[in-house]
Each structure stands twice: as structure tokens, then as C-alpha cells.
Protein backbone atom coordinates (compact mmCIF):
# COMPACT_ATOMS: atom_id res chain seq x y z
CA MET A 1 104.27 27.53 47.11
CA LEU A 2 102.19 26.89 50.17
CA GLU A 3 102.01 30.57 51.03
CA VAL A 4 100.36 31.45 47.73
CA GLU A 5 98.18 28.33 47.48
CA PHE A 6 96.62 28.75 50.93
CA ASN A 7 97.08 32.51 51.33
CA LEU A 8 99.16 32.05 54.49
CA ASP A 9 102.52 33.49 55.39
CA TYR A 10 105.54 31.41 56.45
CA TYR A 11 104.92 31.84 60.19
CA GLU A 12 101.26 30.90 59.92
CA ILE A 13 102.17 27.69 58.10
CA ASN A 14 104.73 26.79 60.78
CA SER A 15 102.24 27.42 63.57
CA LEU A 16 99.51 25.18 62.09
CA ASN A 17 101.12 22.04 63.49
CA LYS A 18 104.06 22.19 65.88
CA ASP A 19 105.40 18.84 64.57
CA PHE A 20 105.33 19.90 60.90
CA LYS A 21 108.33 21.82 59.62
CA PRO A 22 108.19 22.69 55.90
CA ALA A 23 111.97 22.72 55.47
CA GLN A 24 112.31 19.25 57.00
CA PHE A 25 109.48 17.95 54.85
CA ILE A 26 111.08 19.31 51.66
CA LYS A 27 114.49 17.89 52.60
CA LYS A 28 112.97 14.46 53.28
CA GLU A 29 111.02 14.47 50.01
CA ARG A 30 114.11 15.47 47.98
CA SER A 31 116.16 12.76 49.67
CA GLU A 32 113.51 10.09 49.05
CA LEU A 33 113.19 11.09 45.39
CA ALA A 34 116.98 10.94 44.95
CA LYS A 35 117.06 7.48 46.54
CA LYS A 36 114.22 6.22 44.35
CA MET A 37 115.89 7.54 41.21
CA LEU A 38 119.28 6.08 42.18
CA LEU A 39 117.69 2.68 42.74
CA ASN A 40 116.03 2.96 39.32
CA LYS A 41 119.46 3.62 37.76
CA LYS A 42 118.63 7.12 36.52
CA LEU A 43 121.44 9.36 35.31
CA ILE A 44 123.08 11.55 37.94
CA SER A 45 122.40 14.61 35.78
CA GLU A 46 118.68 13.77 35.66
CA ILE A 47 118.55 13.22 39.43
CA ALA A 48 120.32 16.54 40.01
CA THR A 49 117.84 18.35 37.80
CA LYS A 50 114.78 16.80 39.47
CA THR A 51 115.95 17.10 43.09
CA GLY A 52 118.00 20.29 43.09
CA TYR A 53 121.09 18.55 44.43
CA SER A 54 124.31 19.18 42.53
CA GLU A 55 125.83 16.32 40.57
CA THR A 56 128.98 16.54 42.71
CA TYR A 57 126.94 16.27 45.91
CA LEU A 58 125.06 13.26 44.58
CA LEU A 59 128.25 11.48 43.54
CA LYS A 60 129.93 12.15 46.90
CA ASN A 61 126.88 11.13 48.95
CA LYS A 62 125.40 8.38 46.78
CA TYR A 63 125.59 5.75 49.52
CA LYS A 64 124.05 8.12 52.08
CA PHE A 65 120.88 8.13 49.99
CA LEU A 66 120.88 4.36 49.53
CA ARG A 67 120.88 3.38 53.20
């Protein structure tokens, strides 16, 4: 975690750069990884394990990731 790695608390991390939001960054990274794995024809179960999304969510929103 960033807090441990840089010895900063959550609020200090958020105040470093007003445009950087850790939650948005993580969400974007997870989404991009899911898209990349879907395009590479990986198994839904593998994508779910790597990204933290549930298999059901991935199946329902597959085309959302591919746009």
C-alpha cells in the first residue's frame, strides 16, 4: 500500500496532487487490466481473480470493458 511504502497517511497522499485520486487510479487500472485480458481471450475466472471483479459482474459488463 502507498501509506506503508511512503510512510504517509491517506489524507497526505490525497493532498500531494489535487488531480490525483487513488481510488480513481485503482479503478482505471483494474478496468484496463480487465479489458486487456478480455481482448487476450483469458478465462473469466482468471480475470476475476486478477482484477477483483466478480465473474458475474464481468459477464454482465463485458462489453463495457471492450469499448
